[in-house]
Amino acid sequence: MICGSKRAKNVEKRYRRNSVHPHPMAKQKVNTNFMENFLREKMHCGNCREIFDLNSNELKIHCNICNQFFHCGISGKCIGENCKIVKQDGEIHHARYCDNCVSIKYERERCLCKDCSK
């Protein structure tokens, strides 16, 4: 005879909460005012730590491993099979990486990332 098993299930159900709260920005419509505020946001380069506006178009890549934006210190696109995405129109997109996340660097801005080099 198992004692207290019914009570344990009731306690578990009572404290289980699966509630999703929407992000505060989700209610805001994308209009010219929103885009002007968005483009005024500032981000820093992962290599030199210089601060840029998003409107300046100076940040060139987003590194897939360290998740930072870069305008300098860029190794280029990875030529490994794991970093290749074929789009619906047949165009091939290669992931791009910074100097710190690359194991082998080739000429013409091509490289092999740490994940593909294993």
PDB file of N, CA and C in Angstrom:
ATOM      1  N   MET A   1       0.834  -1.166   0.000  1.00  0.00           N
ATOM      2  CA  MET A   1       0.000   0.000   0.000  1.00  0.00           C
ATOM      3  C   MET A   1       0.892   1.247   0.000  1.00  0.00           C
ATOM      4  N   ILE A   2       0.628   2.158  -0.938  1.00  0.00           N
ATOM      5  CA  ILE A   2       1.407   3.381  -1.054  1.00  0.00           C
ATOM      6  C   ILE A   2       0.669   4.477  -0.311  1.00  0.00           C
ATOM      7  N   CYS A   3       1.370   5.103   0.563  1.00  0.00           N
ATOM      8  CA  CYS A   3       0.758   6.116   1.408  1.00  0.00           C
ATOM      9  C   CYS A   3       1.122   7.511   0.892  1.00  0.00           C
ATOM     10  N   GLY A   4       0.127   8.361   0.678  1.00  0.00           N
ATOM     11  CA  GLY A   4       0.394   9.747   0.328  1.00  0.00           C
ATOM     12  C   GLY A   4       0.606  10.002  -1.145  1.00  0.00           C
ATOM     13  N   SER A   5       0.417   9.036  -2.034  1.00  0.00           N
ATOM     14  CA  SER A   5       0.676   9.265  -3.448  1.00  0.00           C
ATOM     15  C   SER A   5      -0.353  10.198  -4.062  1.00  0.00           C
ATOM     16  N   LYS A   6      -1.598  10.139  -3.614  1.00  0.00           N
ATOM     17  CA  LYS A   6      -2.633  11.017  -4.127  1.00  0.00           C
ATOM     18  C   LYS A   6      -2.343  12.475  -3.752  1.00  0.00           C
ATOM     19  N   ARG A   7      -1.873  12.701  -2.573  1.00  0.00           N
ATOM     20  CA  ARG A   7      -1.553  14.051  -2.112  1.00  0.00           C
ATOM     21  C   ARG A   7      -0.400  14.640  -2.917  1.00  0.00           C
ATOM     22  N   ALA A   8       0.590  13.829  -3.243  1.00  0.00           N
ATOM     23  CA  ALA A   8       1.740  14.324  -4.002  1.00  0.00           C
ATOM     24  C   ALA A   8       1.311  14.797  -5.384  1.00  0.00           C
ATOM     25  N   LYS A   9       0.389  14.106  -6.028  1.00  0.00           N
ATOM     26  CA  LYS A   9      -0.077  14.526  -7.348  1.00  0.00           C
ATOM     27  C   LYS A   9      -0.851  15.836  -7.255  1.00  0.00           C
ATOM     28  N   ASN A  10      -1.650  15.996  -6.214  1.00  0.00           N
ATOM     29  CA  ASN A  10      -2.410  17.236  -6.051  1.00  0.00           C
ATOM     30  C   ASN A  10      -1.492  18.429  -5.823  1.00  0.00           C
ATOM     31  N   VAL A  11      -0.456  18.252  -5.037  1.00  0.00           N
ATOM     32  CA  VAL A  11       0.492  19.329  -4.765  1.00  0.00           C
ATOM     33  C   VAL A  11       1.219  19.708  -6.047  1.00  0.00           C
ATOM     34  N   GLU A  12       1.576  18.712  -6.857  1.00  0.00           N
ATOM     35  CA  GLU A  12       2.281  18.986  -8.102  1.00  0.00           C
ATOM     36  C   GLU A  12       1.393  19.783  -9.061  1.00  0.00           C
ATOM     37  N   LYS A  13       0.139  19.422  -9.170  1.00  0.00           N
ATOM     38  CA  LYS A  13      -0.769  20.127 -10.059  1.00  0.00           C
ATOM     39  C   LYS A  13      -1.018  21.556  -9.588  1.00  0.00           C
ATOM     40  N   ARG A  14      -1.093  21.756  -8.309  1.00  0.00           N
ATOM     41  CA  ARG A  14      -1.396  23.068  -7.773  1.00  0.00           C
ATOM     42  C   ARG A  14      -0.283  24.074  -8.067  1.00  0.00           C
ATOM     43  N   TYR A  15       0.972  23.658  -8.063  1.00  0.00           N
ATOM     44  CA  TYR A  15       2.098  24.579  -8.242  1.00  0.00           C
ATOM     45  C   TYR A  15       2.604  24.637  -9.671  1.00  0.00           C
ATOM     46  N   ARG A  16       2.068  23.856 -10.552  1.00  0.00           N
ATOM     47  CA  ARG A  16       2.532  23.862 -11.936  1.00  0.00           C
ATOM     48  C   ARG A  16       1.884  25.036 -12.666  1.00  0.00           C
ATOM     49  N   ARG A  17       2.711  25.894 -13.217  1.00  0.00           N
ATOM     50  CA  ARG A  17       2.216  27.055 -13.952  1.00  0.00           C
ATOM     51  C   ARG A  17       2.940  27.133 -15.284  1.00  0.00           C
ATOM     52  N   ASN A  18       2.201  27.090 -16.322  1.00  0.00           N
ATOM     53  CA  ASN A  18       2.773  27.264 -17.648  1.00  0.00           C
ATOM     54  C   ASN A  18       2.165  28.513 -18.265  1.00  0.00           C
ATOM     55  N   SER A  19       2.592  29.637 -17.814  1.00  0.00           N
ATOM     56  CA  SER A  19       2.052  30.881 -18.344  1.00  0.00           C
ATOM     57  C   SER A  19       3.126  31.586 -19.158  1.00  0.00           C
ATOM     58  N   VAL A  20       2.714  32.110 -20.288  1.00  0.00           N
ATOM     59  CA  VAL A  20       3.618  32.829 -21.175  1.00  0.00           C
ATOM     60  C   VAL A  20       3.206  34.289 -21.169  1.00  0.00           C
ATOM     61  N   HIS A  21       4.152  35.151 -20.907  1.00  0.00           N
ATOM     62  CA  HIS A  21       3.890  36.586 -20.895  1.00  0.00           C
ATOM     63  C   HIS A  21       4.512  37.198 -22.143  1.00  0.00           C
ATOM     64  N   PRO A  22       3.769  37.952 -22.921  1.00  0.00           N
ATOM     65  CA  PRO A  22       4.337  38.561 -24.126  1.00  0.00           C
ATOM     66  C   PRO A  22       5.358  39.632 -23.777  1.00  0.00           C
ATOM     67  N   HIS A  23       6.302  39.789 -24.651  1.00  0.00           N
ATOM     68  CA  HIS A  23       7.333  40.803 -24.491  1.00  0.00           C
ATOM     69  C   HIS A  23       6.674  42.182 -24.598  1.00  0.00           C
ATOM     70  N   PRO A  24       7.101  43.160 -23.793  1.00  0.00           N
ATOM     71  CA  PRO A  24       6.469  44.494 -23.839  1.00  0.00           C
ATOM     72  C   PRO A  24       6.548  45.154 -25.212  1.00  0.00           C
ATOM     73  N   MET A  25       7.590  44.831 -25.992  1.00  0.00           N
ATOM     74  CA  MET A  25       7.732  45.431 -27.316  1.00  0.00           C
ATOM     75  C   MET A  25       6.843  44.741 -28.348  1.00  0.00           C
ATOM     76  N   ALA A  26       6.249  43.591 -28.015  1.00  0.00           N
ATOM     77  CA  ALA A  26       5.429  42.855 -28.969  1.00  0.00           C
ATOM     78  C   ALA A  26       4.154  43.606 -29.311  1.00  0.00           C
ATOM     79  N   LYS A  27       3.661  44.430 -28.419  1.00  0.00           N
ATOM     80  CA  LYS A  27       2.425  45.183 -28.660  1.00  0.00           C
ATOM     81  C   LYS A  27       2.668  46.425 -29.504  1.00  0.00           C
ATOM     82  N   GLN A  28       3.910  46.849 -29.603  1.00  0.00           N
ATOM     83  CA  GLN A  28       4.220  48.075 -30.326  1.00  0.00           C
ATOM     84  C   GLN A  28       4.238  47.810 -31.829  1.00  0.00           C
ATOM     85  N   LYS A  29       3.595  48.671 -32.587  1.00  0.00           N
ATOM     86  CA  LYS A  29       3.559  48.536 -34.037  1.00  0.00           C
ATOM     87  C   LYS A  29       4.859  49.051 -34.634  1.00  0.00           C
ATOM     88  N   VAL A  30       5.252  48.453 -35.751  1.00  0.00           N
ATOM     89  CA  VAL A  30       6.454  48.895 -36.446  1.00  0.00           C
ATOM     90  C   VAL A  30       6.054  50.012 -37.391  1.00  0.00           C
ATOM     91  N   ASN A  31       6.423  51.212 -37.014  1.00  0.00           N
ATOM     92  CA  ASN A  31       6.150  52.382 -37.832  1.00  0.00           C
ATOM     93  C   ASN A  31       7.416  53.216 -37.911  1.00  0.00           C
ATOM     94  N   THR A  32       7.333  54.391 -38.464  1.00  0.00           N
ATOM     95  CA  THR A  32       8.537  55.214 -38.640  1.00  0.00           C
ATOM     96  C   THR A  32       9.146  55.619 -37.309  1.00  0.00           C
ATOM     97  N   ASN A  33       8.315  55.901 -36.319  1.00  0.00           N
ATOM     98  CA  ASN A  33       8.821  56.279 -35.002  1.00  0.00           C
ATOM     99  C   ASN A  33       9.592  55.117 -34.367  1.00  0.00           C
ATOM    100  N   PHE A  34       9.044  53.911 -34.466  1.00  0.00           N
ATOM    101  CA  PHE A  34       9.726  52.737 -33.923  1.00  0.00           C
ATOM    102  C   PHE A  34      11.053  52.511 -34.625  1.00  0.00           C
ATOM    103  N   MET A  35      11.074  52.617 -35.952  1.00  0.00           N
ATOM    104  CA  MET A  35      12.306  52.371 -36.707  1.00  0.00           C
ATOM    105  C   MET A  35      13.366  53.432 -36.409  1.00  0.00           C
ATOM    106  N   GLU A  36      12.957  54.670 -36.220  1.00  0.00           N
ATOM    107  CA  GLU A  36      13.929  55.709 -35.867  1.00  0.00           C
ATOM    108  C   GLU A  36      14.563  55.431 -34.510  1.00  0.00           C
ATOM    109  N   ASN A  37      13.754  55.016 -33.547  1.00  0.00           N
ATOM    110  CA  ASN A  37      14.296  54.668 -32.223  1.00  0.00           C
ATOM    111  C   ASN A  37      15.182  53.430 -32.292  1.00  0.00           C
ATOM    112  N   PHE A  38      14.797  52.458 -33.093  1.00  0.00           N
ATOM    113  CA  PHE A  38      15.579  51.233 -33.231  1.00  0.00           C
ATOM    114  C   PHE A  38      16.938  51.523 -33.866  1.00  0.00           C
ATOM    115  N   LEU A  39      16.958  52.335 -34.901  1.00  0.00           N
ATOM    116  CA  LEU A  39      18.218  52.639 -35.585  1.00  0.00           C
ATOM    117  C   LEU A  39      19.128  53.549 -34.769  1.00  0.00           C
ATOM    118  N   ARG A  40      18.600  54.196 -33.737  1.00  0.00           N
ATOM    119  CA  ARG A  40      19.435  55.001 -32.848  1.00  0.00           C
ATOM    120  C   ARG A  40      20.120  54.171 -31.777  1.00  0.00           C
ATOM    121  N   GLU A  41      19.768  52.907 -31.650  1.00  0.00           N
ATOM    122  CA  GLU A  41      20.406  52.066 -30.639  1.00  0.00           C
ATOM    123  C   GLU A  41      21.893  51.931 -30.935  1.00  0.00           C
ATOM    124  N   LYS A  42      22.656  51.788 -29.883  1.00  0.00           N
ATOM    125  CA  LYS A  42      24.106  51.701 -30.024  1.00  0.00           C
ATOM    126  C   LYS A  42      24.583  50.310 -29.632  1.00  0.00           C
ATOM    127  N   MET A  43      25.554  49.807 -30.393  1.00  0.00           N
ATOM    128  CA  MET A  43      26.169  48.511 -30.111  1.00  0.00           C
ATOM    129  C   MET A  43      27.669  48.681 -30.213  1.00  0.00           C
ATOM    130  N   HIS A  44      28.408  47.787 -29.575  1.00  0.00           N
ATOM    131  CA  HIS A  44      29.860  47.887 -29.636  1.00  0.00           C
ATOM    132  C   HIS A  44      30.428  46.746 -30.474  1.00  0.00           C
ATOM    133  N   CYS A  45      31.557  47.029 -31.091  1.00  0.00           N
ATOM    134  CA  CYS A  45      32.284  46.017 -31.862  1.00  0.00           C
ATOM    135  C   CYS A  45      32.917  45.039 -30.877  1.00  0.00           C
ATOM    136  N   GLY A  46      32.837  43.758 -31.158  1.00  0.00           N
ATOM    137  CA  GLY A  46      33.384  42.744 -30.267  1.00  0.00           C
ATOM    138  C   GLY A  46      34.897  42.741 -30.211  1.00  0.00           C
ATOM    139  N   ASN A  47      35.556  43.334 -31.190  1.00  0.00           N
ATOM    140  CA  ASN A  47      37.016  43.327 -31.241  1.00  0.00           C
ATOM    141  C   ASN A  47      37.602  44.590 -30.615  1.00  0.00           C
ATOM    142  N   CYS A  48      37.221  45.756 -31.101  1.00  0.00           N
ATOM    143  CA  CYS A  48      37.834  47.006 -30.636  1.00  0.00           C
ATOM    144  C   CYS A  48      36.992  47.736 -29.588  1.00  0.00           C
ATOM    145  N   ARG A  49      35.776  47.268 -29.322  1.00  0.00           N
ATOM    146  CA  ARG A  49      34.854  47.848 -28.336  1.00  0.00           C
ATOM    147  C   ARG A  49      34.426  49.277 -28.670  1.00  0.00           C
ATOM    148  N   GLU A  50      34.599  49.703 -29.917  1.00  0.00           N
ATOM    149  CA  GLU A  50      34.125  51.016 -30.337  1.00  0.00           C
ATOM    150  C   GLU A  50      32.602  50.961 -30.486  1.00  0.00           C
ATOM    151  N   ILE A  51      31.914  52.032 -30.138  1.00  0.00           N
ATOM    152  CA  ILE A  51      30.449  52.053 -30.135  1.00  0.00           C
ATOM    153  C   ILE A  51      29.934  52.626 -31.455  1.00  0.00           C
ATOM    154  N   PHE A  52      28.923  51.930 -32.037  1.00  0.00           N
ATOM    155  CA  PHE A  52      28.344  52.321 -33.312  1.00  0.00           C
ATOM    156  C   PHE A  52      26.830  52.399 -33.206  1.00  0.00           C
ATOM    157  N   ASP A  53      26.222  53.300 -33.991  1.00  0.00           N
ATOM    158  CA  ASP A  53      24.775  53.306 -34.177  1.00  0.00           C
ATOM    159  C   ASP A  53      24.438  52.212 -35.180  1.00  0.00           C
ATOM    160  N   LEU A  54      23.256  51.641 -35.054  1.00  0.00           N
ATOM    161  CA  LEU A  54      22.833  50.653 -36.051  1.00  0.00           C
ATOM    162  C   LEU A  54      22.615  51.309 -37.406  1.00  0.00           C
ATOM    163  N   ASN A  55      22.305  52.593 -37.407  1.00  0.00           N
ATOM    164  CA  ASN A  55      22.075  53.323 -38.650  1.00  0.00           C
ATOM    165  C   ASN A  55      23.366  53.562 -39.431  1.00  0.00           C
ATOM    166  N   SER A  56      24.516  53.450 -38.798  1.00  0.00           N
ATOM    167  CA  SER A  56      25.777  53.754 -39.469  1.00  0.00           C
ATOM    168  C   SER A  56      26.201  52.665 -40.447  1.00  0.00           C
ATOM    169  N   ASN A  57      25.657  51.481 -40.358  1.00  0.00           N
ATOM    170  CA  ASN A  57      25.986  50.344 -41.236  1.00  0.00           C
ATOM    171  C   ASN A  57      27.464  49.976 -41.197  1.00  0.00           C
ATOM    172  N   GLU A  58      28.135  50.239 -40.099  1.00  0.00           N
ATOM    173  CA  GLU A  58      29.546  49.888 -39.984  1.00  0.00           C
ATOM    174  C   GLU A  58      29.754  48.499 -39.388  1.00  0.00           C
ATOM    175  N   LEU A  59      28.776  47.997 -38.649  1.00  0.00           N
ATOM    176  CA  LEU A  59      28.891  46.634 -38.133  1.00  0.00           C
ATOM    177  C   LEU A  59      28.622  45.675 -39.280  1.00  0.00           C
ATOM    178  N   LYS A  60      29.582  44.774 -39.544  1.00  0.00           N
ATOM    179  CA  LYS A  60      29.513  43.975 -40.765  1.00  0.00           C
ATOM    180  C   LYS A  60      29.035  42.551 -40.543  1.00  0.00           C
ATOM    181  N   ILE A  61      29.459  41.906 -39.457  1.00  0.00           N
ATOM    182  CA  ILE A  61      29.064  40.505 -39.260  1.00  0.00           C
ATOM    183  C   ILE A  61      28.603  40.272 -37.833  1.00  0.00           C
ATOM    184  N   HIS A  62      27.906  39.170 -37.674  1.00  0.00           N
ATOM    185  CA  HIS A  62      27.533  38.639 -36.363  1.00  0.00           C
ATOM    186  C   HIS A  62      28.195  37.270 -36.287  1.00  0.00           C
ATOM    187  N   CYS A  63      29.093  37.069 -35.338  1.00  0.00           N
ATOM    188  CA  CYS A  63      29.832  35.812 -35.211  1.00  0.00           C
ATOM    189  C   CYS A  63      28.898  34.727 -34.675  1.00  0.00           C
ATOM    190  N   ASN A  64      28.930  33.559 -35.298  1.00  0.00           N
ATOM    191  CA  ASN A  64      28.028  32.463 -34.912  1.00  0.00           C
ATOM    192  C   ASN A  64      28.413  31.824 -33.586  1.00  0.00           C
ATOM    193  N   ILE A  65      29.655  31.860 -33.189  1.00  0.00           N
ATOM    194  CA  ILE A  65      30.078  31.181 -31.952  1.00  0.00           C
ATOM    195  C   ILE A  65      29.981  32.110 -30.752  1.00  0.00           C
ATOM    196  N   CYS A  66      30.553  33.292 -30.821  1.00  0.00           N
ATOM    197  CA  CYS A  66      30.578  34.174 -29.648  1.00  0.00           C
ATOM    198  C   CYS A  66      29.390  35.128 -29.586  1.00  0.00           C
ATOM    199  N   ASN A  67      28.542  35.173 -30.616  1.00  0.00           N
ATOM    200  CA  ASN A  67      27.328  35.996 -30.647  1.00  0.00           C
ATOM    201  C   ASN A  67      27.590  37.476 -30.420  1.00  0.00           C
ATOM    202  N   GLN A  68      28.620  38.000 -31.036  1.00  0.00           N
ATOM    203  CA  GLN A  68      28.920  39.428 -30.956  1.00  0.00           C
ATOM    204  C   GLN A  68      28.965  40.012 -32.362  1.00  0.00           C
ATOM    205  N   PHE A  69      28.779  41.328 -32.454  1.00  0.00           N
ATOM    206  CA  PHE A  69      28.848  42.019 -33.734  1.00  0.00           C
ATOM    207  C   PHE A  69      30.252  42.571 -33.926  1.00  0.00           C
ATOM    208  N   PHE A  70      30.715  42.608 -35.191  1.00  0.00           N
ATOM    209  CA  PHE A  70      32.076  43.035 -35.499  1.00  0.00           C
ATOM    210  C   PHE A  70      32.094  43.958 -36.705  1.00  0.00           C
ATOM    211  N   HIS A  71      33.018  44.908 -36.669  1.00  0.00           N
ATOM    212  CA  HIS A  71      33.320  45.705 -37.854  1.00  0.00           C
ATOM    213  C   HIS A  71      34.793  45.542 -38.222  1.00  0.00           C
ATOM    214  N   CYS A  72      35.580  44.999 -37.298  1.00  0.00           N
ATOM    215  CA  CYS A  72      36.979  44.684 -37.553  1.00  0.00           C
ATOM    216  C   CYS A  72      37.281  43.340 -36.885  1.00  0.00           C
ATOM    217  N   GLY A  73      38.402  42.744 -37.195  1.00  0.00           N
ATOM    218  CA  GLY A  73      38.738  41.450 -36.606  1.00  0.00           C
ATOM    219  C   GLY A  73      37.907  40.329 -37.201  1.00  0.00           C
ATOM    220  N   ILE A  74      37.586  40.436 -38.484  1.00  0.00           N
ATOM    221  CA  ILE A  74      36.728  39.464 -39.160  1.00  0.00           C
ATOM    222  C   ILE A  74      37.599  38.478 -39.934  1.00  0.00           C
ATOM    223  N   SER A  75      37.364  37.192 -39.725  1.00  0.00           N
ATOM    224  CA  SER A  75      38.082  36.173 -40.493  1.00  0.00           C
ATOM    225  C   SER A  75      37.400  35.884 -41.812  1.00  0.00           C
ATOM    226  N   GLY A  76      36.090  35.917 -41.841  1.00  0.00           N
ATOM    227  CA  GLY A  76      35.371  35.679 -43.087  1.00  0.00           C
ATOM    228  C   GLY A  76      34.369  34.561 -42.940  1.00  0.00           C
ATOM    229  N   LYS A  77      33.988  33.979 -44.087  1.00  0.00           N
ATOM    230  CA  LYS A  77      32.975  32.939 -44.063  1.00  0.00           C
ATOM    231  C   LYS A  77      33.605  31.559 -43.986  1.00  0.00           C
ATOM    232  N   CYS A  78      32.949  30.675 -43.244  1.00  0.00           N
ATOM    233  CA  CYS A  78      33.434  29.314 -43.046  1.00  0.00           C
ATOM    234  C   CYS A  78      33.068  28.473 -44.263  1.00  0.00           C
ATOM    235  N   ILE A  79      33.996  27.657 -44.727  1.00  0.00           N
ATOM    236  CA  ILE A  79      33.756  26.823 -45.892  1.00  0.00           C
ATOM    237  C   ILE A  79      33.397  25.388 -45.503  1.00  0.00           C
ATOM    238  N   GLY A  80      33.162  25.142 -44.224  1.00  0.00           N
ATOM    239  CA  GLY A  80      32.774  23.815 -43.762  1.00  0.00           C
ATOM    240  C   GLY A  80      31.327  23.491 -44.103  1.00  0.00           C
ATOM    241  N   GLU A  81      30.996  22.198 -44.142  1.00  0.00           N
ATOM    242  CA  GLU A  81      29.653  21.758 -44.502  1.00  0.00           C
ATOM    243  C   GLU A  81      28.624  22.086 -43.419  1.00  0.00           C
ATOM    244  N   ASN A  82      29.026  22.133 -42.160  1.00  0.00           N
ATOM    245  CA  ASN A  82      28.080  22.424 -41.078  1.00  0.00           C
ATOM    246  C   ASN A  82      27.633  23.880 -41.061  1.00  0.00           C
ATOM    247  N   CYS A  83      28.392  24.758 -41.660  1.00  0.00           N
ATOM    248  CA  CYS A  83      28.088  26.190 -41.644  1.00  0.00           C
ATOM    249  C   CYS A  83      27.469  26.675 -42.945  1.00  0.00           C
ATOM    250  N   LYS A  84      27.009  25.759 -43.775  1.00  0.00           N
ATOM    251  CA  LYS A  84      26.446  26.120 -45.070  1.00  0.00           C
ATOM    252  C   LYS A  84      24.925  25.953 -45.032  1.00  0.00           C
ATOM    253  N   ILE A  85      24.209  26.961 -45.491  1.00  0.00           N
ATOM    254  CA  ILE A  85      22.753  26.912 -45.580  1.00  0.00           C
ATOM    255  C   ILE A  85      22.372  27.169 -47.034  1.00  0.00           C
ATOM    256  N   VAL A  86      21.586  26.255 -47.604  1.00  0.00           N
ATOM    257  CA  VAL A  86      21.105  26.427 -48.976  1.00  0.00           C
ATOM    258  C   VAL A  86      19.688  26.982 -48.902  1.00  0.00           C
ATOM    259  N   LYS A  87      19.491  28.164 -49.470  1.00  0.00           N
ATOM    260  CA  LYS A  87      18.188  28.819 -49.447  1.00  0.00           C
ATOM    261  C   LYS A  87      17.281  28.202 -50.505  1.00  0.00           C
ATOM    262  N   GLN A  88      16.008  28.571 -50.486  1.00  0.00           N
ATOM    263  CA  GLN A  88      15.026  28.000 -51.412  1.00  0.00           C
ATOM    264  C   GLN A  88      15.326  28.341 -52.861  1.00  0.00           C
ATOM    265  N   ASP A  89      15.905  29.504 -53.103  1.00  0.00           N
ATOM    266  CA  ASP A  89      16.208  29.881 -54.483  1.00  0.00           C
ATOM    267  C   ASP A  89      17.545  29.321 -54.964  1.00  0.00           C
ATOM    268  N   GLY A  90      18.171  28.453 -54.178  1.00  0.00           N
ATOM    269  CA  GLY A  90      19.419  27.814 -54.564  1.00  0.00           C
ATOM    270  C   GLY A  90      20.667  28.566 -54.145  1.00  0.00           C
ATOM    271  N   GLU A  91      20.501  29.742 -53.566  1.00  0.00           N
ATOM    272  CA  GLU A  91      21.638  30.535 -53.108  1.00  0.00           C
ATOM    273  C   GLU A  91      22.231  29.899 -51.851  1.00  0.00           C
ATOM    274  N   ILE A  92      23.548  29.894 -51.761  1.00  0.00           N
ATOM    275  CA  ILE A  92      24.242  29.292 -50.619  1.00  0.00           C
ATOM    276  C   ILE A  92      24.743  30.401 -49.707  1.00  0.00           C
ATOM    277  N   HIS A  93      24.433  30.281 -48.410  1.00  0.00           N
ATOM    278  CA  HIS A  93      24.882  31.240 -47.404  1.00  0.00           C
ATOM    279  C   HIS A  93      25.831  30.525 -46.454  1.00  0.00           C
ATOM    280  N   HIS A  94      26.990  31.130 -46.207  1.00  0.00           N
ATOM    281  CA  HIS A  94      27.971  30.578 -45.276  1.00  0.00           C
ATOM    282  C   HIS A  94      28.002  31.439 -44.012  1.00  0.00           C
ATOM    283  N   ALA A  95      28.102  30.803 -42.854  1.00  0.00           N
ATOM    284  CA  ALA A  95      28.200  31.533 -41.589  1.00  0.00           C
ATOM    285  C   ALA A  95      29.544  32.258 -41.529  1.00  0.00           C
ATOM    286  N   ARG A  96      29.564  33.387 -40.843  1.00  0.00           N
ATOM    287  CA  ARG A  96      30.781  34.198 -40.741  1.00  0.00           C
ATOM    288  C   ARG A  96      31.267  34.224 -39.297  1.00  0.00           C
ATOM    289  N   TYR A  97      32.585  34.391 -39.140  1.00  0.00           N
ATOM    290  CA  TYR A  97      33.204  34.281 -37.825  1.00  0.00           C
ATOM    291  C   TYR A  97      34.264  35.354 -37.622  1.00  0.00           C
ATOM    292  N   CYS A  98      34.553  35.613 -36.335  1.00  0.00           N
ATOM    293  CA  CYS A  98      35.605  36.562 -35.967  1.00  0.00           C
ATOM    294  C   CYS A  98      36.939  35.815 -35.871  1.00  0.00           C
ATOM    295  N   ASP A  99      38.010  36.567 -35.624  1.00  0.00           N
ATOM    296  CA  ASP A  99      39.345  35.968 -35.550  1.00  0.00           C
ATOM    297  C   ASP A  99      39.495  35.004 -34.377  1.00  0.00           C
ATOM    298  N   ASN A 100      38.792  35.239 -33.270  1.00  0.00           N
ATOM    299  CA  ASN A 100      38.947  34.401 -32.084  1.00  0.00           C
ATOM    300  C   ASN A 100      38.260  33.050 -32.206  1.00  0.00           C
ATOM    301  N   CYS A 101      37.270  32.924 -33.066  1.00  0.00           N
ATOM    302  CA  CYS A 101      36.471  31.694 -33.174  1.00  0.00           C
ATOM    303  C   CYS A 101      36.851  30.836 -34.373  1.00  0.00           C
ATOM    304  N   VAL A 102      38.015  31.071 -34.932  1.00  0.00           N
ATOM    305  CA  VAL A 102      38.455  30.364 -36.134  1.00  0.00           C
ATOM    306  C   VAL A 102      39.709  29.565 -35.822  1.00  0.00           C
ATOM    307  N   SER A 103      39.779  28.337 -36.362  1.00  0.00           N
ATOM    308  CA  SER A 103      40.987  27.543 -36.150  1.00  0.00           C
ATOM    309  C   SER A 103      41.944  27.648 -37.335  1.00  0.00           C
ATOM    310  N   ILE A 104      41.425  27.707 -38.570  1.00  0.00           N
ATOM    311  CA  ILE A 104      42.270  27.820 -39.764  1.00  0.00           C
ATOM    312  C   ILE A 104      41.761  28.990 -40.598  1.00  0.00           C
ATOM    313  N   LYS A 105      42.671  29.849 -41.021  1.00  0.00           N
ATOM    314  CA  LYS A 105      42.304  31.007 -41.823  1.00  0.00           C
ATOM    315  C   LYS A 105      42.968  30.894 -43.194  1.00  0.00           C
ATOM    316  N   TYR A 106      42.154  30.968 -44.254  1.00  0.00           N
ATOM    317  CA  TYR A 106      42.648  30.903 -45.625  1.00  0.00           C
ATOM    318  C   TYR A 106      42.638  32.302 -46.228  1.00  0.00           C
ATOM    319  N   GLU A 107      43.105  32.417 -47.462  1.00  0.00           N
ATOM    320  CA  GLU A 107      43.075  33.713 -48.135  1.00  0.00           C
ATOM    321  C   GLU A 107      41.690  33.988 -48.710  1.00  0.00           C
ATOM    322  N   ARG A 108      41.451  35.200 -49.146  1.00  0.00           N
ATOM    323  CA  ARG A 108      40.184  35.686 -49.704  1.00  0.00           C
ATOM    324  C   ARG A 108      39.017  35.549 -48.726  1.00  0.00           C
ATOM    325  N   GLU A 109      39.255  35.882 -47.463  1.00  0.00           N
ATOM    326  CA  GLU A 109      38.234  35.899 -46.406  1.00  0.00           C
ATOM    327  C   GLU A 109      37.475  34.573 -46.295  1.00  0.00           C
ATOM    328  N   ARG A 110      38.201  33.491 -46.366  1.00  0.00           N
ATOM    329  CA  ARG A 110      37.618  32.170 -46.128  1.00  0.00           C
ATOM    330  C   ARG A 110      38.327  31.566 -44.928  1.00  0.00           C
ATOM    331  N   CYS A 111      37.600  30.762 -44.164  1.00  0.00           N
ATOM    332  CA  CYS A 111      38.180  30.178 -42.964  1.00  0.00           C
ATOM    333  C   CYS A 111      37.485  28.866 -42.632  1.00  0.00           C
ATOM    334  N   LEU A 112      37.950  28.224 -41.579  1.00  0.00           N
ATOM    335  CA  LEU A 112      37.336  27.015 -41.040  1.00  0.00           C
ATOM    336  C   LEU A 112      37.152  27.251 -39.550  1.00  0.00           C
ATOM    337  N   CYS A 113      35.901  27.222 -39.089  1.00  0.00           N
ATOM    338  CA  CYS A 113      35.629  27.527 -37.694  1.00  0.00           C
ATOM    339  C   CYS A 113      36.047  26.374 -36.789  1.00  0.00           C
ATOM    340  N   LYS A 114      35.991  26.607 -35.489  1.00  0.00           N
ATOM    341  CA  LYS A 114      36.415  25.580 -34.531  1.00  0.00           C
ATOM    342  C   LYS A 114      35.534  24.350 -34.579  1.00  0.00           C
ATOM    343  N   ASP A 115      34.235  24.527 -34.867  1.00  0.00           N
ATOM    344  CA  ASP A 115      33.329  23.387 -34.926  1.00  0.00           C
ATOM    345  C   ASP A 115      33.569  22.534 -36.179  1.00  0.00           C
ATOM    346  N   CYS A 116      33.818  23.146 -37.300  1.00  0.00           N
ATOM    347  CA  CYS A 116      34.021  22.408 -38.566  1.00  0.00           C
ATOM    348  C   CYS A 116      35.410  21.783 -38.656  1.00  0.00           C
ATOM    349  N   SER A 117      36.371  22.279 -37.924  1.00  0.00           N
ATOM    350  CA  SER A 117      37.737  21.766 -38.029  1.00  0.00           C
ATOM    351  C   SER A 117      37.938  20.465 -37.269  1.00  0.00           C
ATOM    352  N   LYS A 118      36.970  20.083 -36.437  1.00  0.00           N
ATOM    353  CA  LYS A 118      37.108  18.840 -35.664  1.00  0.00           C
ATOM    354  C   LYS A 118      36.890  17.627 -36.514  1.00  0.00           C
TER     355      LYS A 118
END
